[in-house]
Amino acid sequence: MAEPATDLRDQVVAIIARATLLPVAELRPEARPEDLGIDSLGLVESIFALEESLGIRIPFNAQEPERTAFDTSTIGAIIAGVEALVAARAGSSTA
């Protein structure tokens, strides 16, 4: 049985792949979105897809992505940010 975190990582990568029309294999943790050809619209579409699919709110400002609290510098950073938001949501629902 896979670890829940691994399942979430796979799910995040699959959602980004669908939103950007990229192969899952290209979405390595160290890959930067711009190096994969993901432009600002693709990034926004990925963020919306993640929010909708996972039931979270990602603190991302498409107008000023560099001033956003959510790190989108690499695929790994996006995964880590989503993991933290999902964990925070799970923690608040048990309180």
PDB file of N, CA and C in Angstrom:
ATOM      1  N   MET A   1       0.852  -1.182   0.000  1.00  0.00           N
ATOM      2  CA  MET A   1       0.000   0.000   0.000  1.00  0.00           C
ATOM      3  C   MET A   1       0.893   1.239   0.000  1.00  0.00           C
ATOM      4  N   ALA A   2       0.577   2.209  -0.848  1.00  0.00           N
ATOM      5  CA  ALA A   2       1.385   3.422  -0.972  1.00  0.00           C
ATOM      6  C   ALA A   2       1.141   4.351   0.209  1.00  0.00           C
ATOM      7  N   GLU A   3       2.155   5.127   0.533  1.00  0.00           N
ATOM      8  CA  GLU A   3       2.024   6.136   1.573  1.00  0.00           C
ATOM      9  C   GLU A   3       1.046   7.203   1.091  1.00  0.00           C
ATOM     10  N   PRO A   4       0.230   7.780   1.990  1.00  0.00           N
ATOM     11  CA  PRO A   4      -0.688   8.842   1.575  1.00  0.00           C
ATOM     12  C   PRO A   4       0.032  10.013   0.918  1.00  0.00           C
ATOM     13  N   ALA A   5       1.225  10.386   1.439  1.00  0.00           N
ATOM     14  CA  ALA A   5       1.965  11.507   0.856  1.00  0.00           C
ATOM     15  C   ALA A   5       2.363  11.194  -0.585  1.00  0.00           C
ATOM     16  N   THR A   6       2.763   9.958  -0.844  1.00  0.00           N
ATOM     17  CA  THR A   6       3.121   9.570  -2.203  1.00  0.00           C
ATOM     18  C   THR A   6       1.900   9.656  -3.108  1.00  0.00           C
ATOM     19  N   ASP A   7       0.769   9.199  -2.610  1.00  0.00           N
ATOM     20  CA  ASP A   7      -0.465   9.297  -3.388  1.00  0.00           C
ATOM     21  C   ASP A   7      -0.786  10.755  -3.708  1.00  0.00           C
ATOM     22  N   LEU A   8      -0.613  11.650  -2.734  1.00  0.00           N
ATOM     23  CA  LEU A   8      -0.890  13.066  -2.952  1.00  0.00           C
ATOM     24  C   LEU A   8       0.090  13.645  -3.963  1.00  0.00           C
ATOM     25  N   ARG A   9       1.367  13.292  -3.838  1.00  0.00           N
ATOM     26  CA  ARG A   9       2.359  13.780  -4.816  1.00  0.00           C
ATOM     27  C   ARG A   9       1.974  13.342  -6.228  1.00  0.00           C
ATOM     28  N   ASP A  10       1.621  12.066  -6.358  1.00  0.00           N
ATOM     29  CA  ASP A  10       1.214  11.554  -7.672  1.00  0.00           C
ATOM     30  C   ASP A  10      -0.019  12.277  -8.179  1.00  0.00           C
ATOM     31  N   GLN A  11      -0.952  12.548  -7.280  1.00  0.00           N
ATOM     32  CA  GLN A  11      -2.180  13.232  -7.656  1.00  0.00           C
ATOM     33  C   GLN A  11      -1.890  14.662  -8.111  1.00  0.00           C
ATOM     34  N   VAL A  12      -1.022  15.361  -7.390  1.00  0.00           N
ATOM     35  CA  VAL A  12      -0.653  16.736  -7.760  1.00  0.00           C
ATOM     36  C   VAL A  12       0.003  16.747  -9.136  1.00  0.00           C
ATOM     37  N   VAL A  13       0.938  15.848  -9.358  1.00  0.00           N
ATOM     38  CA  VAL A  13       1.621  15.776 -10.659  1.00  0.00           C
ATOM     39  C   VAL A  13       0.622  15.461 -11.774  1.00  0.00           C
ATOM     40  N   ALA A  14      -0.291  14.546 -11.524  1.00  0.00           N
ATOM     41  CA  ALA A  14      -1.290  14.186 -12.533  1.00  0.00           C
ATOM     42  C   ALA A  14      -2.200  15.367 -12.861  1.00  0.00           C
ATOM     43  N   ILE A  15      -2.577  16.131 -11.855  1.00  0.00           N
ATOM     44  CA  ILE A  15      -3.440  17.305 -12.073  1.00  0.00           C
ATOM     45  C   ILE A  15      -2.701  18.353 -12.886  1.00  0.00           C
ATOM     46  N   ILE A  16      -1.448  18.613 -12.547  1.00  0.00           N
ATOM     47  CA  ILE A  16      -0.653  19.592 -13.307  1.00  0.00           C
ATOM     48  C   ILE A  16      -0.464  19.102 -14.736  1.00  0.00           C
ATOM     49  N   ALA A  17      -0.193  17.824 -14.904  1.00  0.00           N
ATOM     50  CA  ALA A  17      -0.012  17.264 -16.249  1.00  0.00           C
ATOM     51  C   ALA A  17      -1.264  17.463 -17.103  1.00  0.00           C
ATOM     52  N   ARG A  18      -2.429  17.194 -16.514  1.00  0.00           N
ATOM     53  CA  ARG A  18      -3.681  17.389 -17.257  1.00  0.00           C
ATOM     54  C   ARG A  18      -3.898  18.856 -17.617  1.00  0.00           C
ATOM     55  N   ALA A  19      -3.636  19.743 -16.653  1.00  0.00           N
ATOM     56  CA  ALA A  19      -3.869  21.169 -16.868  1.00  0.00           C
ATOM     57  C   ALA A  19      -2.924  21.761 -17.908  1.00  0.00           C
ATOM     58  N   THR A  20      -1.712  21.214 -18.001  1.00  0.00           N
ATOM     59  CA  THR A  20      -0.701  21.767 -18.904  1.00  0.00           C
ATOM     60  C   THR A  20      -0.485  20.941 -20.165  1.00  0.00           C
ATOM     61  N   LEU A  21      -1.162  19.794 -20.230  1.00  0.00           N
ATOM     62  CA  LEU A  21      -1.021  18.872 -21.368  1.00  0.00           C
ATOM     63  C   LEU A  21       0.410  18.364 -21.527  1.00  0.00           C
ATOM     64  N   LEU A  22       1.096  18.197 -20.399  1.00  0.00           N
ATOM     65  CA  LEU A  22       2.463  17.668 -20.406  1.00  0.00           C
ATOM     66  C   LEU A  22       2.461  16.224 -19.911  1.00  0.00           C
ATOM     67  N   PRO A  23       3.421  15.435 -20.373  1.00  0.00           N
ATOM     68  CA  PRO A  23       3.546  14.074 -19.846  1.00  0.00           C
ATOM     69  C   PRO A  23       3.968  14.098 -18.379  1.00  0.00           C
ATOM     70  N   VAL A  24       3.395  13.217 -17.590  1.00  0.00           N
ATOM     71  CA  VAL A  24       3.723  13.118 -16.169  1.00  0.00           C
ATOM     72  C   VAL A  24       5.229  12.968 -15.968  1.00  0.00           C
ATOM     73  N   ALA A  25       5.891  12.215 -16.812  1.00  0.00           N
ATOM     74  CA  ALA A  25       7.327  11.957 -16.670  1.00  0.00           C
ATOM     75  C   ALA A  25       8.168  13.236 -16.726  1.00  0.00           C
ATOM     76  N   GLU A  26       7.667  14.273 -17.382  1.00  0.00           N
ATOM     77  CA  GLU A  26       8.416  15.534 -17.468  1.00  0.00           C
ATOM     78  C   GLU A  26       8.314  16.367 -16.200  1.00  0.00           C
ATOM     79  N   LEU A  27       7.339  16.081 -15.361  1.00  0.00           N
ATOM     80  CA  LEU A  27       7.084  16.896 -14.179  1.00  0.00           C
ATOM     81  C   LEU A  27       7.885  16.389 -12.982  1.00  0.00           C
ATOM     82  N   ARG A  28       9.200  16.450 -13.124  1.00  0.00           N
ATOM     83  CA  ARG A  28      10.109  16.039 -12.046  1.00  0.00           C
ATOM     84  C   ARG A  28      10.154  17.142 -10.978  1.00  0.00           C
ATOM     85  N   PRO A  29      10.408  16.783  -9.723  1.00  0.00           N
ATOM     86  CA  PRO A  29      10.396  17.773  -8.642  1.00  0.00           C
ATOM     87  C   PRO A  29      11.316  18.970  -8.881  1.00  0.00           C
ATOM     88  N   GLU A  30      12.468  18.740  -9.489  1.00  0.00           N
ATOM     89  CA  GLU A  30      13.418  19.844  -9.692  1.00  0.00           C
ATOM     90  C   GLU A  30      13.100  20.714 -10.906  1.00  0.00           C
ATOM     91  N   ALA A  31      12.135  20.307 -11.719  1.00  0.00           N
ATOM     92  CA  ALA A  31      11.798  21.053 -12.937  1.00  0.00           C
ATOM     93  C   ALA A  31      11.106  22.368 -12.601  1.00  0.00           C
ATOM     94  N   ARG A  32      11.536  23.415 -13.294  1.00  0.00           N
ATOM     95  CA  ARG A  32      10.906  24.726 -13.132  1.00  0.00           C
ATOM     96  C   ARG A  32       9.797  24.852 -14.180  1.00  0.00           C
ATOM     97  N   PRO A  33       8.644  25.382 -13.792  1.00  0.00           N
ATOM     98  CA  PRO A  33       7.535  25.495 -14.746  1.00  0.00           C
ATOM     99  C   PRO A  33       7.933  26.163 -16.065  1.00  0.00           C
ATOM    100  N   GLU A  34       8.681  27.245 -15.992  1.00  0.00           N
ATOM    101  CA  GLU A  34       9.055  27.949 -17.222  1.00  0.00           C
ATOM    102  C   GLU A  34       9.949  27.096 -18.120  1.00  0.00           C
ATOM    103  N   ASP A  35      10.767  26.234 -17.525  1.00  0.00           N
ATOM    104  CA  ASP A  35      11.618  25.347 -18.315  1.00  0.00           C
ATOM    105  C   ASP A  35      10.803  24.258 -19.018  1.00  0.00           C
ATOM    106  N   LEU A  36       9.618  23.981 -18.484  1.00  0.00           N
ATOM    107  CA  LEU A  36       8.727  22.984 -19.090  1.00  0.00           C
ATOM    108  C   LEU A  36       7.787  23.614 -20.109  1.00  0.00           C
ATOM    109  N   GLY A  37       7.889  24.923 -20.269  1.00  0.00           N
ATOM    110  CA  GLY A  37       7.004  25.618 -21.202  1.00  0.00           C
ATOM    111  C   GLY A  37       5.672  26.000 -20.576  1.00  0.00           C
ATOM    112  N   ILE A  38       5.585  25.936 -19.239  1.00  0.00           N
ATOM    113  CA  ILE A  38       4.356  26.328 -18.555  1.00  0.00           C
ATOM    114  C   ILE A  38       4.395  27.843 -18.370  1.00  0.00           C
ATOM    115  N   ASP A  39       3.538  28.538 -19.100  1.00  0.00           N
ATOM    116  CA  ASP A  39       3.483  29.990 -18.989  1.00  0.00           C
ATOM    117  C   ASP A  39       2.570  30.391 -17.839  1.00  0.00           C
ATOM    118  N   SER A  40       2.360  31.689 -17.665  1.00  0.00           N
ATOM    119  CA  SER A  40       1.555  32.156 -16.532  1.00  0.00           C
ATOM    120  C   SER A  40       0.120  31.635 -16.604  1.00  0.00           C
ATOM    121  N   LEU A  41      -0.440  31.547 -17.793  1.00  0.00           N
ATOM    122  CA  LEU A  41      -1.795  31.011 -17.924  1.00  0.00           C
ATOM    123  C   LEU A  41      -1.831  29.534 -17.538  1.00  0.00           C
ATOM    124  N   GLY A  42      -0.844  28.777 -17.973  1.00  0.00           N
ATOM    125  CA  GLY A  42      -0.761  27.366 -17.608  1.00  0.00           C
ATOM    126  C   GLY A  42      -0.608  27.178 -16.108  1.00  0.00           C
ATOM    127  N   LEU A  43       0.148  28.075 -15.481  1.00  0.00           N
ATOM    128  CA  LEU A  43       0.335  28.008 -14.034  1.00  0.00           C
ATOM    129  C   LEU A  43      -0.987  28.299 -13.320  1.00  0.00           C
ATOM    130  N   VAL A  44      -1.698  29.319 -13.772  1.00  0.00           N
ATOM    131  CA  VAL A  44      -2.992  29.661 -13.175  1.00  0.00           C
ATOM    132  C   VAL A  44      -3.980  28.516 -13.363  1.00  0.00           C
ATOM    133  N   GLU A  45      -4.011  27.933 -14.547  1.00  0.00           N
ATOM    134  CA  GLU A  45      -4.911  26.803 -14.798  1.00  0.00           C
ATOM    135  C   GLU A  45      -4.564  25.625 -13.888  1.00  0.00           C
ATOM    136  N   SER A  46      -3.277  25.401 -13.665  1.00  0.00           N
ATOM    137  CA  SER A  46      -2.842  24.331 -12.768  1.00  0.00           C
ATOM    138  C   SER A  46      -3.293  24.610 -11.336  1.00  0.00           C
ATOM    139  N   ILE A  47      -3.128  25.848 -10.889  1.00  0.00           N
ATOM    140  CA  ILE A  47      -3.533  26.241  -9.537  1.00  0.00           C
ATOM    141  C   ILE A  47      -5.037  26.023  -9.359  1.00  0.00           C
ATOM    142  N   PHE A  48      -5.829  26.483 -10.324  1.00  0.00           N
ATOM    143  CA  PHE A  48      -7.284  26.301 -10.242  1.00  0.00           C
ATOM    144  C   PHE A  48      -7.653  24.820 -10.221  1.00  0.00           C
ATOM    145  N   ALA A  49      -6.993  24.036 -11.048  1.00  0.00           N
ATOM    146  CA  ALA A  49      -7.282  22.600 -11.098  1.00  0.00           C
ATOM    147  C   ALA A  49      -6.934  21.928  -9.772  1.00  0.00           C
ATOM    148  N   LEU A  50      -5.816  22.318  -9.172  1.00  0.00           N
ATOM    149  CA  LEU A  50      -5.427  21.769  -7.871  1.00  0.00           C
ATOM    150  C   LEU A  50      -6.446  22.142  -6.802  1.00  0.00           C
ATOM    151  N   GLU A  51      -6.860  23.406  -6.805  1.00  0.00           N
ATOM    152  CA  GLU A  51      -7.847  23.850  -5.817  1.00  0.00           C
ATOM    153  C   GLU A  51      -9.151  23.067  -5.947  1.00  0.00           C
ATOM    154  N   GLU A  52      -9.621  22.958  -7.169  1.00  0.00           N
ATOM    155  CA  GLU A  52     -10.888  22.274  -7.413  1.00  0.00           C
ATOM    156  C   GLU A  52     -10.804  20.785  -7.081  1.00  0.00           C
ATOM    157  N   SER A  53      -9.742  20.148  -7.511  1.00  0.00           N
ATOM    158  CA  SER A  53      -9.605  18.702  -7.311  1.00  0.00           C
ATOM    159  C   SER A  53      -9.365  18.316  -5.862  1.00  0.00           C
ATOM    160  N   LEU A  54      -8.629  19.159  -5.130  1.00  0.00           N
ATOM    161  CA  LEU A  54      -8.219  18.799  -3.777  1.00  0.00           C
ATOM    162  C   LEU A  54      -9.002  19.526  -2.685  1.00  0.00           C
ATOM    163  N   GLY A  55      -9.875  20.437  -3.076  1.00  0.00           N
ATOM    164  CA  GLY A  55     -10.687  21.144  -2.093  1.00  0.00           C
ATOM    165  C   GLY A  55      -9.886  22.051  -1.183  1.00  0.00           C
ATOM    166  N   ILE A  56      -8.878  22.721  -1.752  1.00  0.00           N
ATOM    167  CA  ILE A  56      -8.032  23.627  -0.973  1.00  0.00           C
ATOM    168  C   ILE A  56      -8.071  25.007  -1.606  1.00  0.00           C
ATOM    169  N   ARG A  57      -7.602  25.989  -0.865  1.00  0.00           N
ATOM    170  CA  ARG A  57      -7.450  27.353  -1.380  1.00  0.00           C
ATOM    171  C   ARG A  57      -5.963  27.653  -1.397  1.00  0.00           C
ATOM    172  N   ILE A  58      -5.414  27.892  -2.572  1.00  0.00           N
ATOM    173  CA  ILE A  58      -3.984  28.162  -2.718  1.00  0.00           C
ATOM    174  C   ILE A  58      -3.768  29.672  -2.739  1.00  0.00           C
ATOM    175  N   PRO A  59      -2.934  30.195  -1.840  1.00  0.00           N
ATOM    176  CA  PRO A  59      -2.689  31.638  -1.789  1.00  0.00           C
ATOM    177  C   PRO A  59      -1.763  32.068  -2.921  1.00  0.00           C
ATOM    178  N   PHE A  60      -2.346  32.243  -4.088  1.00  0.00           N
ATOM    179  CA  PHE A  60      -1.565  32.575  -5.281  1.00  0.00           C
ATOM    180  C   PHE A  60      -2.172  33.796  -5.943  1.00  0.00           C
ATOM    181  N   ASN A  61      -1.347  34.784  -6.234  1.00  0.00           N
ATOM    182  CA  ASN A  61      -1.800  35.996  -6.906  1.00  0.00           C
ATOM    183  C   ASN A  61      -1.256  35.975  -8.325  1.00  0.00           C
ATOM    184  N   ALA A  62      -2.120  35.730  -9.281  1.00  0.00           N
ATOM    185  CA  ALA A  62      -1.700  35.628 -10.677  1.00  0.00           C
ATOM    186  C   ALA A  62      -1.170  36.961 -11.200  1.00  0.00           C
ATOM    187  N   GLN A  63      -1.630  38.064 -10.620  1.00  0.00           N
ATOM    188  CA  GLN A  63      -1.158  39.380 -11.047  1.00  0.00           C
ATOM    189  C   GLN A  63       0.277  39.645 -10.610  1.00  0.00           C
ATOM    190  N   GLU A  64       0.648  39.117  -9.448  1.00  0.00           N
ATOM    191  CA  GLU A  64       1.987  39.310  -8.901  1.00  0.00           C
ATOM    192  C   GLU A  64       2.513  37.993  -8.330  1.00  0.00           C
ATOM    193  N   PRO A  65       2.796  37.015  -9.193  1.00  0.00           N
ATOM    194  CA  PRO A  65       3.221  35.709  -8.696  1.00  0.00           C
ATOM    195  C   PRO A  65       4.481  35.755  -7.839  1.00  0.00           C
ATOM    196  N   GLU A  66       5.361  36.712  -8.098  1.00  0.00           N
ATOM    197  CA  GLU A  66       6.595  36.814  -7.315  1.00  0.00           C
ATOM    198  C   GLU A  66       6.335  37.320  -5.895  1.00  0.00           C
ATOM    199  N   ARG A  67       5.178  37.892  -5.651  1.00  0.00           N
ATOM    200  CA  ARG A  67       4.830  38.403  -4.318  1.00  0.00           C
ATOM    201  C   ARG A  67       3.824  37.489  -3.616  1.00  0.00           C
ATOM    202  N   THR A  68       3.696  36.286  -4.117  1.00  0.00           N
ATOM    203  CA  THR A  68       2.739  35.319  -3.583  1.00  0.00           C
ATOM    204  C   THR A  68       3.373  34.477  -2.499  1.00  0.00           C
ATOM    205  N   ALA A  69       2.590  34.112  -1.504  1.00  0.00           N
ATOM    206  CA  ALA A  69       3.088  33.270  -0.414  1.00  0.00           C
ATOM    207  C   ALA A  69       3.304  31.827  -0.846  1.00  0.00           C
ATOM    208  N   PHE A  70       2.721  31.431  -1.970  1.00  0.00           N
ATOM    209  CA  PHE A  70       2.815  30.057  -2.448  1.00  0.00           C
ATOM    210  C   PHE A  70       3.956  29.945  -3.443  1.00  0.00           C
ATOM    211  N   ASP A  71       4.915  29.073  -3.167  1.00  0.00           N
ATOM    212  CA  ASP A  71       6.117  28.915  -3.996  1.00  0.00           C
ATOM    213  C   ASP A  71       5.816  28.059  -5.227  1.00  0.00           C
ATOM    214  N   THR A  72       5.969  28.656  -6.396  1.00  0.00           N
ATOM    215  CA  THR A  72       5.762  27.937  -7.654  1.00  0.00           C
ATOM    216  C   THR A  72       7.053  27.839  -8.452  1.00  0.00           C
ATOM    217  N   SER A  73       8.203  27.943  -7.774  1.00  0.00           N
ATOM    218  CA  SER A  73       9.484  27.967  -8.474  1.00  0.00           C
ATOM    219  C   SER A  73       9.837  26.636  -9.127  1.00  0.00           C
ATOM    220  N   THR A  74       9.401  25.529  -8.531  1.00  0.00           N
ATOM    221  CA  THR A  74       9.648  24.204  -9.100  1.00  0.00           C
ATOM    222  C   THR A  74       8.403  23.339  -8.890  1.00  0.00           C
ATOM    223  N   ILE A  75       8.352  22.234  -9.597  1.00  0.00           N
ATOM    224  CA  ILE A  75       7.253  21.288  -9.405  1.00  0.00           C
ATOM    225  C   ILE A  75       7.291  20.753  -7.972  1.00  0.00           C
ATOM    226  N   GLY A  76       8.475  20.500  -7.452  1.00  0.00           N
ATOM    227  CA  GLY A  76       8.616  20.035  -6.074  1.00  0.00           C
ATOM    228  C   GLY A  76       8.101  21.042  -5.062  1.00  0.00           C
ATOM    229  N   ALA A  77       8.351  22.324  -5.302  1.00  0.00           N
ATOM    230  CA  ALA A  77       7.851  23.369  -4.402  1.00  0.00           C
ATOM    231  C   ALA A  77       6.329  23.423  -4.427  1.00  0.00           C
ATOM    232  N   ILE A  78       5.746  23.253  -5.599  1.00  0.00           N
ATOM    233  CA  ILE A  78       4.285  23.226  -5.718  1.00  0.00           C
ATOM    234  C   ILE A  78       3.734  22.031  -4.942  1.00  0.00           C
ATOM    235  N   ILE A  79       4.351  20.877  -5.121  1.00  0.00           N
ATOM    236  CA  ILE A  79       3.915  19.672  -4.404  1.00  0.00           C
ATOM    237  C   ILE A  79       3.994  19.903  -2.899  1.00  0.00           C
ATOM    238  N   ALA A  80       5.117  20.440  -2.418  1.00  0.00           N
ATOM    239  CA  ALA A  80       5.296  20.679  -0.981  1.00  0.00           C
ATOM    240  C   ALA A  80       4.251  21.659  -0.454  1.00  0.00           C
ATOM    241  N   GLY A  81       3.972  22.699  -1.219  1.00  0.00           N
ATOM    242  CA  GLY A  81       2.967  23.670  -0.814  1.00  0.00           C
ATOM    243  C   GLY A  81       1.582  23.059  -0.736  1.00  0.00           C
ATOM    244  N   VAL A  82       1.243  22.242  -1.714  1.00  0.00           N
ATOM    245  CA  VAL A  82      -0.062  21.574  -1.712  1.00  0.00           C
ATOM    246  C   VAL A  82      -0.143  20.602  -0.543  1.00  0.00           C
ATOM    247  N   GLU A  83       0.928  19.856  -0.293  1.00  0.00           N
ATOM    248  CA  GLU A  83       0.938  18.932   0.848  1.00  0.00           C
ATOM    249  C   GLU A  83       0.677  19.679   2.151  1.00  0.00           C
ATOM    250  N   ALA A  84       1.302  20.840   2.321  1.00  0.00           N
ATOM    251  CA  ALA A  84       1.116  21.627   3.538  1.00  0.00           C
ATOM    252  C   ALA A  84      -0.327  22.115   3.657  1.00  0.00           C
ATOM    253  N   LEU A  85      -0.906  22.559   2.557  1.00  0.00           N
ATOM    254  CA  LEU A  85      -2.291  23.040   2.584  1.00  0.00           C
ATOM    255  C   LEU A  85      -3.276  21.912   2.872  1.00  0.00           C
ATOM    256  N   VAL A  86      -3.033  20.753   2.281  1.00  0.00           N
ATOM    257  CA  VAL A  86      -3.901  19.597   2.532  1.00  0.00           C
ATOM    258  C   VAL A  86      -3.774  19.161   3.994  1.00  0.00           C
ATOM    259  N   ALA A  87      -2.559  19.159   4.528  1.00  0.00           N
ATOM    260  CA  ALA A  87      -2.349  18.776   5.932  1.00  0.00           C
ATOM    261  C   ALA A  87      -3.017  19.781   6.862  1.00  0.00           C
ATOM    262  N   ALA A  88      -2.916  21.075   6.539  1.00  0.00           N
ATOM    263  CA  ALA A  88      -3.543  22.111   7.367  1.00  0.00           C
ATOM    264  C   ALA A  88      -5.064  21.965   7.340  1.00  0.00           C
ATOM    265  N   ARG A  89      -5.608  21.666   6.162  1.00  0.00           N
ATOM    266  CA  ARG A  89      -7.058  21.462   6.039  1.00  0.00           C
ATOM    267  C   ARG A  89      -7.488  20.261   6.866  1.00  0.00           C
ATOM    268  N   ALA A  90      -6.719  19.182   6.802  1.00  0.00           N
ATOM    269  CA  ALA A  90      -7.037  17.965   7.570  1.00  0.00           C
ATOM    270  C   ALA A  90      -6.944  18.248   9.060  1.00  0.00           C
ATOM    271  N   GLY A  91      -5.970  19.027   9.475  1.00  0.00           N
ATOM    272  CA  GLY A  91      -5.816  19.382  10.887  1.00  0.00           C
ATOM    273  C   GLY A  91      -6.939  20.249  11.394  1.00  0.00           C
ATOM    274  N   SER A  92      -7.415  21.164  10.558  1.00  0.00           N
ATOM    275  CA  SER A  92      -8.498  22.058  10.988  1.00  0.00           C
ATOM    276  C   SER A  92      -9.836  21.337  11.018  1.00  0.00           C
ATOM    277  N   SER A  93      -9.978  20.275  10.237  1.00  0.00           N
ATOM    278  CA  SER A  93     -11.256  19.554  10.227  1.00  0.00           C
ATOM    279  C   SER A  93     -11.375  18.601  11.404  1.00  0.00           C
ATOM    280  N   THR A  94     -10.231  18.297  12.042  1.00  0.00           N
ATOM    281  CA  THR A  94     -10.284  17.398  13.199  1.00  0.00           C
ATOM    282  C   THR A  94     -10.339  18.170  14.509  1.00  0.00           C
ATOM    283  N   ALA A  95     -10.165  19.485  14.420  1.00  0.00           N
ATOM    284  CA  ALA A  95     -10.167  20.317  15.630  1.00  0.00           C
ATOM    285  C   ALA A  95     -11.563  20.606  16.107  1.00  0.00           C
TER     286      ALA A  95
END
